[in-house]
C-alpha atoms as a PDB file:
ATOM      1  CA  UNK A   1      -3.090  -2.982   5.157  1.00  0.00           C
ATOM      2  CA  UNK A   2      -2.908  -6.172   7.155  1.00  0.00           C
ATOM      3  CA  UNK A   3      -2.896  -6.933  10.830  1.00  0.00           C
ATOM      4  CA  UNK A   4       0.088  -5.472  12.605  1.00  0.00           C
ATOM      5  CA  UNK A   5       2.251  -8.535  13.209  1.00  0.00           C
ATOM      6  CA  UNK A   6       2.398  -9.553   9.578  1.00  0.00           C
ATOM      7  CA  UNK A   7       3.346  -6.172   8.207  1.00  0.00           C
ATOM      8  CA  UNK A   8       5.617  -5.308  11.092  1.00  0.00           C
ATOM      9  CA  UNK A   9       7.481  -8.564  10.655  1.00  0.00           C
ATOM     10  CA  UNK A  10       7.835  -7.870   6.955  1.00  0.00           C
ATOM     11  CA  UNK A  11       9.182  -4.374   7.526  1.00  0.00           C
ATOM     12  CA  UNK A  12      11.749  -5.598  10.020  1.00  0.00           C
ATOM     13  CA  UNK A  13      13.064  -8.038   7.430  1.00  0.00           C
ATOM     14  CA  UNK A  14      13.850  -5.265   4.943  1.00  0.00           C
ATOM     15  CA  UNK A  15      17.535  -4.329   4.795  1.00  0.00           C
ATOM     16  CA  UNK A  16      19.318  -1.314   3.331  1.00  0.00           C
ATOM     17  CA  UNK A  17      20.869  -1.642  -0.102  1.00  0.00           C
ATOM     18  CA  UNK A  18      18.932  -1.438  -3.332  1.00  0.00           C
ATOM     19  CA  UNK A  19      21.509  -3.530  -5.163  1.00  0.00           C
ATOM     20  CA  UNK A  20      21.191  -6.626  -2.971  1.00  0.00           C
ATOM     21  CA  UNK A  21      19.621  -9.759  -4.437  1.00  0.00           C
ATOM     22  CA  UNK A  22      16.408 -11.189  -2.928  1.00  0.00           C
ATOM     23  CA  UNK A  23      16.716 -14.471  -1.051  1.00  0.00           C
ATOM     24  CA  UNK A  24      13.844 -16.950  -1.255  1.00  0.00           C
ATOM     25  CA  UNK A  25      13.046 -18.419   2.188  1.00  0.00           C
ATOM     26  CA  UNK A  26      12.812 -22.176   2.479  1.00  0.00           C
ATOM     27  CA  UNK A  27       9.296 -21.889   3.906  1.00  0.00           C
ATOM     28  CA  UNK A  28       8.102 -20.155   0.756  1.00  0.00           C
ATOM     29  CA  UNK A  29       9.643 -22.832  -1.439  1.00  0.00           C
ATOM     30  CA  UNK A  30       8.060 -25.551   0.655  1.00  0.00           C
ATOM     31  CA  UNK A  31       4.542 -24.187   0.160  1.00  0.00           C
ATOM     32  CA  UNK A  32       4.949 -23.079  -3.458  1.00  0.00           C
ATOM     33  CA  UNK A  33       3.370 -25.096  -6.230  1.00  0.00           C
ATOM     34  CA  UNK A  34       4.846 -24.412  -9.664  1.00  0.00           C
ATOM     35  CA  UNK A  35       1.589 -25.346 -11.384  1.00  0.00           C
ATOM     36  CA  UNK A  36      -0.193 -22.527  -9.571  1.00  0.00           C
ATOM     37  CA  UNK A  37       1.900 -19.936 -11.397  1.00  0.00           C
ATOM     38  CA  UNK A  38       2.131 -21.696 -14.728  1.00  0.00           C
ATOM     39  CA  UNK A  39      -1.610 -22.341 -14.978  1.00  0.00           C
ATOM     40  CA  UNK A  40      -2.631 -18.670 -14.986  1.00  0.00           C
ATOM     41  CA  UNK A  41      -4.002 -17.221 -18.207  1.00  0.00           C
ATOM     42  CA  UNK A  42      -3.432 -13.590 -19.125  1.00  0.00           C
ATOM     43  CA  UNK A  43      -6.495 -11.388 -18.654  1.00  0.00           C
ATOM     44  CA  UNK A  44      -7.671  -8.910 -21.265  1.00  0.00           C
ATOM     45  CA  UNK A  45      -7.727  -5.765 -19.133  1.00  0.00           C
ATOM     46  CA  UNK A  46      -9.627  -2.610 -20.064  1.00  0.00           C
ATOM     47  CA  UNK A  47      -6.937  -0.141 -19.031  1.00  0.00           C
ATOM     48  CA  UNK A  48      -9.115   2.050 -16.797  1.00  0.00           C
ATOM     49  CA  UNK A  49      -7.570   0.730 -13.576  1.00  0.00           C
ATOM     50  CA  UNK A  50      -3.840   0.363 -12.935  1.00  0.00           C
ATOM     51  CA  UNK A  51      -3.719  -2.946 -11.061  1.00  0.00           C
ATOM     52  CA  UNK A  52      -1.273  -4.017  -8.381  1.00  0.00           C
ATOM     53  CA  UNK A  53      -1.090  -6.521  -5.515  1.00  0.00           C
ATOM     54  CA  UNK A  54       0.399  -6.214  -2.038  1.00  0.00           C
ATOM     55  CA  UNK A  55       3.466  -8.380  -1.566  1.00  0.00           C
ATOM     56  CA  UNK A  56       2.632  -9.599   1.952  1.00  0.00           C
ATOM     57  CA  UNK A  57      -0.705 -11.149   0.961  1.00  0.00           C
ATOM     58  CA  UNK A  58       1.019 -13.632  -1.366  1.00  0.00           C
ATOM     59  CA  UNK A  59       4.231 -14.130   0.595  1.00  0.00           C
ATOM     60  CA  UNK A  60       3.862 -17.918   0.425  1.00  0.00           C
ATOM     61  CA  UNK A  61       5.376 -17.400  -3.044  1.00  0.00           C
ATOM     62  CA  UNK A  62       8.908 -16.191  -3.591  1.00  0.00           C
ATOM     63  CA  UNK A  63       9.039 -12.687  -5.010  1.00  0.00           C
ATOM     64  CA  UNK A  64      10.334 -14.118  -8.294  1.00  0.00           C
ATOM     65  CA  UNK A  65       7.299 -16.374  -8.546  1.00  0.00           C
ATOM     66  CA  UNK A  66       4.871 -13.603  -7.641  1.00  0.00           C
ATOM     67  CA  UNK A  67       6.398 -11.447 -10.388  1.00  0.00           C
ATOM     68  CA  UNK A  68       5.902 -14.285 -12.881  1.00  0.00           C
ATOM     69  CA  UNK A  69       2.312 -14.770 -11.708  1.00  0.00           C
ATOM     70  CA  UNK A  70       1.233 -11.135 -12.027  1.00  0.00           C
ATOM     71  CA  UNK A  71       2.751 -10.854 -15.490  1.00  0.00           C
ATOM     72  CA  UNK A  72       0.878 -13.975 -16.537  1.00  0.00           C
ATOM     73  CA  UNK A  73      -2.329 -12.389 -15.236  1.00  0.00           C
ATOM     74  CA  UNK A  74      -1.694  -9.306 -17.349  1.00  0.00           C
ATOM     75  CA  UNK A  75      -0.503  -6.548 -14.997  1.00  0.00           C
ATOM     76  CA  UNK A  76       2.931  -5.450 -13.867  1.00  0.00           C
ATOM     77  CA  UNK A  77       3.020  -3.863 -10.392  1.00  0.00           C
ATOM     78  CA  UNK A  78       3.508  -5.063  -6.813  1.00  0.00           C
ATOM     79  CA  UNK A  79       2.894  -3.018  -3.649  1.00  0.00           C
ATOM     80  CA  UNK A  80       4.872  -2.728  -0.423  1.00  0.00           C
ATOM     81  CA  UNK A  81       8.314  -3.828  -1.505  1.00  0.00           C
ATOM     82  CA  UNK A  82      11.504  -2.503   0.081  1.00  0.00           C
ATOM     83  CA  UNK A  83      14.870  -1.564  -1.458  1.00  0.00           C
ATOM     84  CA  UNK A  84      16.573  -4.941  -1.125  1.00  0.00           C
ATOM     85  CA  UNK A  85      13.927  -6.521  -3.365  1.00  0.00           C
ATOM     86  CA  UNK A  86      13.757  -3.870  -6.075  1.00  0.00           C
ATOM     87  CA  UNK A  87      16.374  -5.643  -8.231  1.00  0.00           C
ATOM     88  CA  UNK A  88      14.081  -8.680  -8.344  1.00  0.00           C
ATOM     89  CA  UNK A  89      11.182  -6.536  -9.528  1.00  0.00           C
ATOM     90  CA  UNK A  90      13.367  -4.881 -12.139  1.00  0.00           C
ATOM     91  CA  UNK A  91      14.583  -8.242 -13.421  1.00  0.00           C
ATOM     92  CA  UNK A  92      10.976  -9.148 -14.242  1.00  0.00           C
ATOM     93  CA  UNK A  93       9.866  -5.716 -15.479  1.00  0.00           C
ATOM     94  CA  UNK A  94       7.593  -5.209 -12.462  1.00  0.00           C
ATOM     95  CA  UNK A  95       6.940  -1.773 -10.993  1.00  0.00           C
ATOM     96  CA  UNK A  96       7.070  -1.025  -7.249  1.00  0.00           C
ATOM     97  CA  UNK A  97       3.751   0.804  -6.964  1.00  0.00           C
ATOM     98  CA  UNK A  98       4.141   1.575  -3.237  1.00  0.00           C
ATOM     99  CA  UNK A  99       7.553   1.541  -1.588  1.00  0.00           C
ATOM    100  CA  UNK A 100       8.776   0.933   1.940  1.00  0.00           C
ATOM    101  CA  UNK A 101      11.887   2.403   3.468  1.00  0.00           C
ATOM    102  CA  UNK A 102      14.491  -0.136   4.490  1.00  0.00           C
ATOM    103  CA  UNK A 103      14.167   0.702   8.179  1.00  0.00           C
ATOM    104  CA  UNK A 104      11.725  -0.368  10.870  1.00  0.00           C
ATOM    105  CA  UNK A 105       9.150   2.183   9.718  1.00  0.00           C
ATOM    106  CA  UNK A 106       6.264   0.488  11.493  1.00  0.00           C
ATOM    107  CA  UNK A 107       2.677   1.521  11.847  1.00  0.00           C
ATOM    108  CA  UNK A 108       2.684   2.744  15.396  1.00  0.00           C
ATOM    109  CA  UNK A 109       5.931   4.663  15.898  1.00  0.00           C
ATOM    110  CA  UNK A 110       4.885   7.240  13.357  1.00  0.00           C
ATOM    111  CA  UNK A 111       5.048  10.865  12.368  1.00  0.00           C
ATOM    112  CA  UNK A 112       2.599  12.095  15.003  1.00  0.00           C
ATOM    113  CA  UNK A 113       5.160  11.533  17.782  1.00  0.00           C
ATOM    114  CA  UNK A 114       8.270  13.766  17.805  1.00  0.00           C
ATOM    115  CA  UNK A 115      10.375  11.155  19.597  1.00  0.00           C
ATOM    116  CA  UNK A 116      10.435   9.131  16.360  1.00  0.00           C
ATOM    117  CA  UNK A 117      11.055  12.036  13.990  1.00  0.00           C
ATOM    118  CA  UNK A 118      14.849  11.907  13.850  1.00  0.00           C
ATOM    119  CA  UNK A 119      14.979   8.244  12.847  1.00  0.00           C
ATOM    120  CA  UNK A 120      12.021   8.389  10.485  1.00  0.00           C
ATOM    121  CA  UNK A 121      13.260  11.489   8.689  1.00  0.00           C
ATOM    122  CA  UNK A 122      16.675   9.868   8.278  1.00  0.00           C
ATOM    123  CA  UNK A 123      15.112   6.743   6.751  1.00  0.00           C
ATOM    124  CA  UNK A 124      12.937   8.693   4.329  1.00  0.00           C
ATOM    125  CA  UNK A 125      15.762  10.970   3.216  1.00  0.00           C
ATOM    126  CA  UNK A 126      17.984   7.939   2.604  1.00  0.00           C
ATOM    127  CA  UNK A 127      15.493   6.025   0.485  1.00  0.00           C
ATOM    128  CA  UNK A 128      14.100   8.911  -1.598  1.00  0.00           C
ATOM    129  CA  UNK A 129      17.105   9.258  -3.967  1.00  0.00           C
ATOM    130  CA  UNK A 130      17.276   5.454  -4.351  1.00  0.00           C
ATOM    131  CA  UNK A 131      13.617   5.445  -5.314  1.00  0.00           C
ATOM    132  CA  UNK A 132      14.128   8.275  -7.772  1.00  0.00           C
ATOM    133  CA  UNK A 133      17.010   6.425  -9.419  1.00  0.00           C
ATOM    134  CA  UNK A 134      14.825   3.317  -9.726  1.00  0.00           C
ATOM    135  CA  UNK A 135      11.958   5.328 -11.218  1.00  0.00           C
ATOM    136  CA  UNK A 136       9.506   4.768  -8.350  1.00  0.00           C
ATOM    137  CA  UNK A 137       7.108   7.443  -7.123  1.00  0.00           C
ATOM    138  CA  UNK A 138       5.127   6.517  -3.977  1.00  0.00           C
ATOM    139  CA  UNK A 139       6.573   6.086  -0.475  1.00  0.00           C
ATOM    140  CA  UNK A 140       4.307   4.916   2.325  1.00  0.00           C
ATOM    141  CA  UNK A 141       4.224   6.594   5.720  1.00  0.00           C
ATOM    142  CA  UNK A 142       2.080   6.287   8.841  1.00  0.00           C
ATOM    143  CA  UNK A 143       0.671   8.648  11.438  1.00  0.00           C
ATOM    144  CA  UNK A 144       1.385   6.328  14.345  1.00  0.00           C
ATOM    145  CA  UNK A 145      -0.665   5.822  17.505  1.00  0.00           C
ATOM    146  CA  UNK A 146      -2.342   8.569  19.476  1.00  0.00           C
ATOM    147  CA  UNK A 147      -1.052   7.550  22.912  1.00  0.00           C
ATOM    148  CA  UNK A 148      -3.272  10.184  24.498  1.00  0.00           C
ATOM    149  CA  UNK A 149      -2.575  12.835  21.851  1.00  0.00           C
ATOM    150  CA  UNK A 150      -5.447  14.921  20.507  1.00  0.00           C
ATOM    151  CA  UNK A 151      -6.118  15.230  16.772  1.00  0.00           C
ATOM    152  CA  UNK A 152      -4.710  18.723  16.375  1.00  0.00           C
ATOM    153  CA  UNK A 153      -1.463  18.015  18.222  1.00  0.00           C
ATOM    154  CA  UNK A 154      -0.907  14.865  16.198  1.00  0.00           C
ATOM    155  CA  UNK A 155      -1.578  16.747  12.986  1.00  0.00           C
ATOM    156  CA  UNK A 156       0.874  19.509  13.903  1.00  0.00           C
ATOM    157  CA  UNK A 157       3.549  16.931  14.719  1.00  0.00           C
ATOM    158  CA  UNK A 158       2.994  15.131  11.404  1.00  0.00           C
ATOM    159  CA  UNK A 159       3.189  18.442   9.545  1.00  0.00           C
ATOM    160  CA  UNK A 160       6.442  19.384  11.285  1.00  0.00           C
ATOM    161  CA  UNK A 161       8.079  16.111  10.281  1.00  0.00           C
ATOM    162  CA  UNK A 162       6.761  16.194   6.727  1.00  0.00           C
ATOM    163  CA  UNK A 163       8.067  19.712   6.205  1.00  0.00           C
ATOM    164  CA  UNK A 164      11.583  18.356   6.775  1.00  0.00           C
ATOM    165  CA  UNK A 165      11.066  15.601   4.183  1.00  0.00           C
ATOM    166  CA  UNK A 166       8.882  17.068   1.460  1.00  0.00           C
ATOM    167  CA  UNK A 167      11.301  19.576  -0.103  1.00  0.00           C
ATOM    168  CA  UNK A 168      13.658  16.672  -0.852  1.00  0.00           C
ATOM    169  CA  UNK A 169      10.741  14.493  -1.975  1.00  0.00           C
ATOM    170  CA  UNK A 170       9.511  17.253  -4.301  1.00  0.00           C
ATOM    171  CA  UNK A 171      12.990  17.685  -5.772  1.00  0.00           C
ATOM    172  CA  UNK A 172      13.131  13.952  -6.520  1.00  0.00           C
ATOM    173  CA  UNK A 173       9.565  13.534  -7.749  1.00  0.00           C
ATOM    174  CA  UNK A 174       8.520  11.330  -4.816  1.00  0.00           C
ATOM    175  CA  UNK A 175       5.095  11.429  -3.145  1.00  0.00           C
ATOM    176  CA  UNK A 176       4.807  10.653   0.549  1.00  0.00           C
ATOM    177  CA  UNK A 177       1.587   8.672   1.021  1.00  0.00           C
ATOM    178  CA  UNK A 178       0.010   8.298   4.470  1.00  0.00           C
ATOM    179  CA  UNK A 179      -2.202   5.258   4.926  1.00  0.00           C
ATOM    180  CA  UNK A 180      -5.703   5.519   6.363  1.00  0.00           C
ATOM    181  CA  UNK A 181      -6.299   2.601   8.759  1.00  0.00           C
ATOM    182  CA  UNK A 182      -9.209   1.627  10.965  1.00  0.00           C
ATOM    183  CA  UNK A 183      -8.736   1.932  14.717  1.00  0.00           C
ATOM    184  CA  UNK A 184     -11.891  -0.024  15.570  1.00  0.00           C
ATOM    185  CA  UNK A 185     -10.680  -3.548  14.820  1.00  0.00           C
ATOM    186  CA  UNK A 186      -7.201  -3.890  13.341  1.00  0.00           C
ATOM    187  CA  UNK A 187      -5.069  -0.973  14.510  1.00  0.00           C
ATOM    188  CA  UNK A 188      -6.257   0.279  17.860  1.00  0.00           C
ATOM    189  CA  UNK A 189      -5.321   3.873  18.691  1.00  0.00           C
ATOM    190  CA  UNK A 190      -4.039   4.663  15.162  1.00  0.00           C
ATOM    191  CA  UNK A 191      -4.456   8.379  14.527  1.00  0.00           C
ATOM    192  CA  UNK A 192      -4.998   8.714  10.752  1.00  0.00           C
ATOM    193  CA  UNK A 193      -8.244   6.752  10.888  1.00  0.00           C
ATOM    194  CA  UNK A 194     -10.669   9.101   9.087  1.00  0.00           C
ATOM    195  CA  UNK A 195     -10.381  10.489   5.583  1.00  0.00           C
ATOM    196  CA  UNK A 196     -11.420  13.929   6.852  1.00  0.00           C
ATOM    197  CA  UNK A 197      -8.431  13.998   9.233  1.00  0.00           C
ATOM    198  CA  UNK A 198      -6.082  12.898   6.458  1.00  0.00           C
ATOM    199  CA  UNK A 199      -7.475  15.471   4.045  1.00  0.00           C
ATOM    200  CA  UNK A 200      -7.035  18.242   6.606  1.00  0.00           C
ATOM    201  CA  UNK A 201      -3.386  17.229   7.042  1.00  0.00           C
ATOM    202  CA  UNK A 202      -2.972  17.392   3.250  1.00  0.00           C
ATOM    203  CA  UNK A 203      -4.427  20.910   3.263  1.00  0.00           C
ATOM    204  CA  UNK A 204      -2.104  22.065   6.046  1.00  0.00           C
ATOM    205  CA  UNK A 205       0.972  20.544   4.439  1.00  0.00           C
ATOM    206  CA  UNK A 206      -0.058  22.044   1.077  1.00  0.00           C
ATOM    207  CA  UNK A 207       2.182  19.960  -1.163  1.00  0.00           C
ATOM    208  CA  UNK A 208       1.231  17.882  -4.198  1.00  0.00           C
ATOM    209  CA  UNK A 209       3.859  15.433  -2.946  1.00  0.00           C
ATOM    210  CA  UNK A 210       1.873  14.463   0.147  1.00  0.00           C
ATOM    211  CA  UNK A 211      -1.313  12.464  -0.274  1.00  0.00           C
ATOM    212  CA  UNK A 212      -3.330   9.597   1.210  1.00  0.00           C
ATOM    213  CA  UNK A 213      -3.548   5.861   0.735  1.00  0.00           C
ATOM    214  CA  UNK A 214      -7.271   5.137   0.895  1.00  0.00           C
ATOM    215  CA  UNK A 215      -7.593   1.556   2.115  1.00  0.00           C
ATOM    216  CA  UNK A 216     -11.161   0.618   1.210  1.00  0.00           C
ATOM    217  CA  UNK A 217     -11.285  -2.241   3.715  1.00  0.00           C
ATOM    218  CA  UNK A 218     -10.181  -0.021   6.588  1.00  0.00           C
ATOM    219  CA  UNK A 219     -12.376   2.910   5.702  1.00  0.00           C
ATOM    220  CA  UNK A 220     -15.481   0.752   5.315  1.00  0.00           C
ATOM    221  CA  UNK A 221     -14.925  -0.524   8.858  1.00  0.00           C
ATOM    222  CA  UNK A 222     -14.126   2.895  10.299  1.00  0.00           C
ATOM    223  CA  UNK A 223     -16.683   5.148   8.654  1.00  0.00           C
ATOM    224  CA  UNK A 224     -18.365   3.599   5.597  1.00  0.00           C
ATOM    225  CA  UNK A 225     -19.779   5.947   2.927  1.00  0.00           C
ATOM    226  CA  UNK A 226     -16.971   4.789   0.640  1.00  0.00           C
ATOM    227  CA  UNK A 227     -18.143   6.156  -2.702  1.00  0.00           C
ATOM    228  CA  UNK A 228     -19.142   9.554  -1.306  1.00  0.00           C
ATOM    229  CA  UNK A 229     -15.768   9.901   0.423  1.00  0.00           C
ATOM    230  CA  UNK A 230     -13.913   8.933  -2.748  1.00  0.00           C
ATOM    231  CA  UNK A 231     -15.834  11.596  -4.665  1.00  0.00           C
ATOM    232  CA  UNK A 232     -15.404  14.254  -1.975  1.00  0.00           C
ATOM    233  CA  UNK A 233     -11.720  13.665  -1.184  1.00  0.00           C
ATOM    234  CA  UNK A 234     -10.269  12.194  -4.382  1.00  0.00           C
ATOM    235  CA  UNK A 235      -7.892  15.113  -4.878  1.00  0.00           C
ATOM    236  CA  UNK A 236      -6.017  14.021  -1.744  1.00  0.00           C
ATOM    237  CA  UNK A 237      -5.825  10.314  -2.644  1.00  0.00           C
ATOM    238  CA  UNK A 238      -2.796   8.852  -4.430  1.00  0.00           C
ATOM    239  CA  UNK A 239      -3.416   5.135  -3.979  1.00  0.00           C
ATOM    240  CA  UNK A 240      -6.073   2.556  -3.072  1.00  0.00           C
ATOM    241  CA  UNK A 241      -6.059  -0.835  -1.334  1.00  0.00           C
ATOM    242  CA  UNK A 242      -8.829  -3.428  -1.454  1.00  0.00           C
ATOM    243  CA  UNK A 243     -10.059  -6.105   0.948  1.00  0.00           C
ATOM    244  CA  UNK A 244     -13.274  -7.963   1.683  1.00  0.00           C
ATOM    245  CA  UNK A 245     -15.328  -6.829   4.668  1.00  0.00           C
ATOM    246  CA  UNK A 246     -15.365  -8.346   7.247  1.00  0.00           C
ATOM    247  CA  UNK A 247     -12.256 -10.513   7.466  1.00  0.00           C
ATOM    248  CA  UNK A 248     -10.058  -9.013   4.727  1.00  0.00           C
ATOM    249  CA  UNK A 249     -10.536 -11.963   2.387  1.00  0.00           C
ATOM    250  CA  UNK A 250     -11.775 -12.152  -1.214  1.00  0.00           C
ATOM    251  CA  UNK A 251     -13.662  -9.139  -2.592  1.00  0.00           C
ATOM    252  CA  UNK A 252     -16.412 -11.235  -4.214  1.00  0.00           C
ATOM    253  CA  UNK A 253     -20.098 -11.497  -3.223  1.00  0.00           C
ATOM    254  CA  UNK A 254     -19.276 -13.146   0.119  1.00  0.00           C
ATOM    255  CA  UNK A 255     -18.597  -9.694   1.618  1.00  0.00           C
ATOM    256  CA  UNK A 256     -20.516  -6.467   2.031  1.00  0.00           C
ATOM    257  CA  UNK A 257     -19.092  -4.074  -0.575  1.00  0.00           C
ATOM    258  CA  UNK A 258     -19.873  -4.097  -4.291  1.00  0.00           C
ATOM    259  CA  UNK A 259     -16.416  -3.428  -5.650  1.00  0.00           C
ATOM    260  CA  UNK A 260     -17.361  -2.761  -9.305  1.00  0.00           C
ATOM    261  CA  UNK A 261     -19.330   0.307  -8.181  1.00  0.00           C
ATOM    262  CA  UNK A 262     -16.434   1.453  -5.990  1.00  0.00           C
ATOM    263  CA  UNK A 263     -14.012   1.062  -8.890  1.00  0.00           C
ATOM    264  CA  UNK A 264     -16.299   2.981 -11.241  1.00  0.00           C
ATOM    265  CA  UNK A 265     -16.421   5.818  -8.704  1.00  0.00           C
ATOM    266  CA  UNK A 266     -12.603   5.846  -8.626  1.00  0.00           C
ATOM    267  CA  UNK A 267     -12.380   5.910 -12.421  1.00  0.00           C
ATOM    268  CA  UNK A 268     -14.962   8.712 -12.599  1.00  0.00           C
ATOM    269  CA  UNK A 269     -12.699  10.964 -10.505  1.00  0.00           C
ATOM    270  CA  UNK A 270     -10.010  10.732 -13.194  1.00  0.00           C
ATOM    271  CA  UNK A 271      -7.689   8.735 -10.921  1.00  0.00           C
ATOM    272  CA  UNK A 272      -4.514   7.555 -12.680  1.00  0.00           C
ATOM    273  CA  UNK A 273      -2.701   5.888  -9.772  1.00  0.00           C
ATOM    274  CA  UNK A 274      -2.739   2.255  -8.655  1.00  0.00           C
ATOM    275  CA  UNK A 275      -5.369   0.068  -7.029  1.00  0.00           C
ATOM    276  CA  UNK A 276      -3.608  -2.716  -5.134  1.00  0.00           C
ATOM    277  CA  UNK A 277      -5.328  -5.918  -4.073  1.00  0.00           C
ATOM    278  CA  UNK A 278      -4.620  -6.364  -0.356  1.00  0.00           C
ATOM    279  CA  UNK A 279      -6.862  -9.203   0.728  1.00  0.00           C
ATOM    280  CA  UNK A 280      -5.808 -12.493   2.342  1.00  0.00           C
ATOM    281  CA  UNK A 281      -6.739 -15.267  -0.135  1.00  0.00           C
ATOM    282  CA  UNK A 282      -8.592 -18.357   1.053  1.00  0.00           C
ATOM    283  CA  UNK A 283      -9.072 -20.339  -2.177  1.00  0.00           C
ATOM    284  CA  UNK A 284      -7.110 -23.603  -2.555  1.00  0.00           C
ATOM    285  CA  UNK A 285      -5.353 -21.982  -5.521  1.00  0.00           C
ATOM    286  CA  UNK A 286      -4.673 -18.534  -4.090  1.00  0.00           C
ATOM    287  CA  UNK A 287      -3.890 -17.083  -7.490  1.00  0.00           C
ATOM    288  CA  UNK A 288      -7.468 -17.871  -8.494  1.00  0.00           C
ATOM    289  CA  UNK A 289      -8.472 -15.355  -5.806  1.00  0.00           C
ATOM    290  CA  UNK A 290      -6.172 -12.739  -7.304  1.00  0.00           C
ATOM    291  CA  UNK A 291      -7.407 -13.373 -10.831  1.00  0.00           C
ATOM    292  CA  UNK A 292     -11.011 -13.063  -9.660  1.00  0.00           C
ATOM    293  CA  UNK A 293     -10.264  -9.795  -7.833  1.00  0.00           C
ATOM    294  CA  UNK A 294      -8.576  -8.252 -10.861  1.00  0.00           C
ATOM    295  CA  UNK A 295     -11.577  -9.160 -13.007  1.00  0.00           C
ATOM    296  CA  UNK A 296     -13.991  -7.674 -10.438  1.00  0.00           C
ATOM    297  CA  UNK A 297     -12.043  -4.400 -10.312  1.00  0.00           C
ATOM    298  CA  UNK A 298     -11.352  -4.088 -14.027  1.00  0.00           C
ATOM    299  CA  UNK A 299     -14.300  -1.844 -14.862  1.00  0.00           C
END
């Protein structure tokens, strides 16, 4: 999960209507190099990890071109795409591994604050049947900021909102997935900032259709102990994000985590969901960064 302005800007640009065609911005075309997509060679993947990539981290490419690139690399899923862009994914045979609503469902006005419940519930209930029709399963949600709220109050508020959404989600085969984010560096005052808090919310909600998005970058910053937490709380985790620490860049040996060991721990839990690359690439050919990350994680 990236810094707030980038994702918030992206969310605000999503519009209702799953049948609308995606429009490629001129800025993306200006920075896009056709050779960067065409030069990629398909990887021979082992099949233990279901790979994906977050849309926003490669938004210098049009969505069409990102779809072409990931297929050339050998996987077929993209994270954090909203309804207006699903037809583009479908055109290329790419799966939306983590969906947004089409509204301004931002990180901070979240489920822990009742003043946002009416609008958020409306947005989730609108998008769930569209997702089901498209064959998608995971819908991201956020706790929001504390704003002086204690843990238990925030958890009760989240539970109250989720109980109005989950029966419909269960009926449609959709899983609501709350993202764990660090509140030390990137998302000050965010409530769902520890896996223990998220797991307790899962227990209270008591639905197989509510789980956590374990962002490895964020959780390494917030509390560390990544592999132990994956082993201890894997039953509550539906999705993973990657990112190099510090800086959220490449996940190679320039940063502090050894991702092959983390991926092996995920595989050992029997996880069958998606691991999405969510780092900000710095290589001259940014798709080289993505190819490298897929190879690192393909244990």
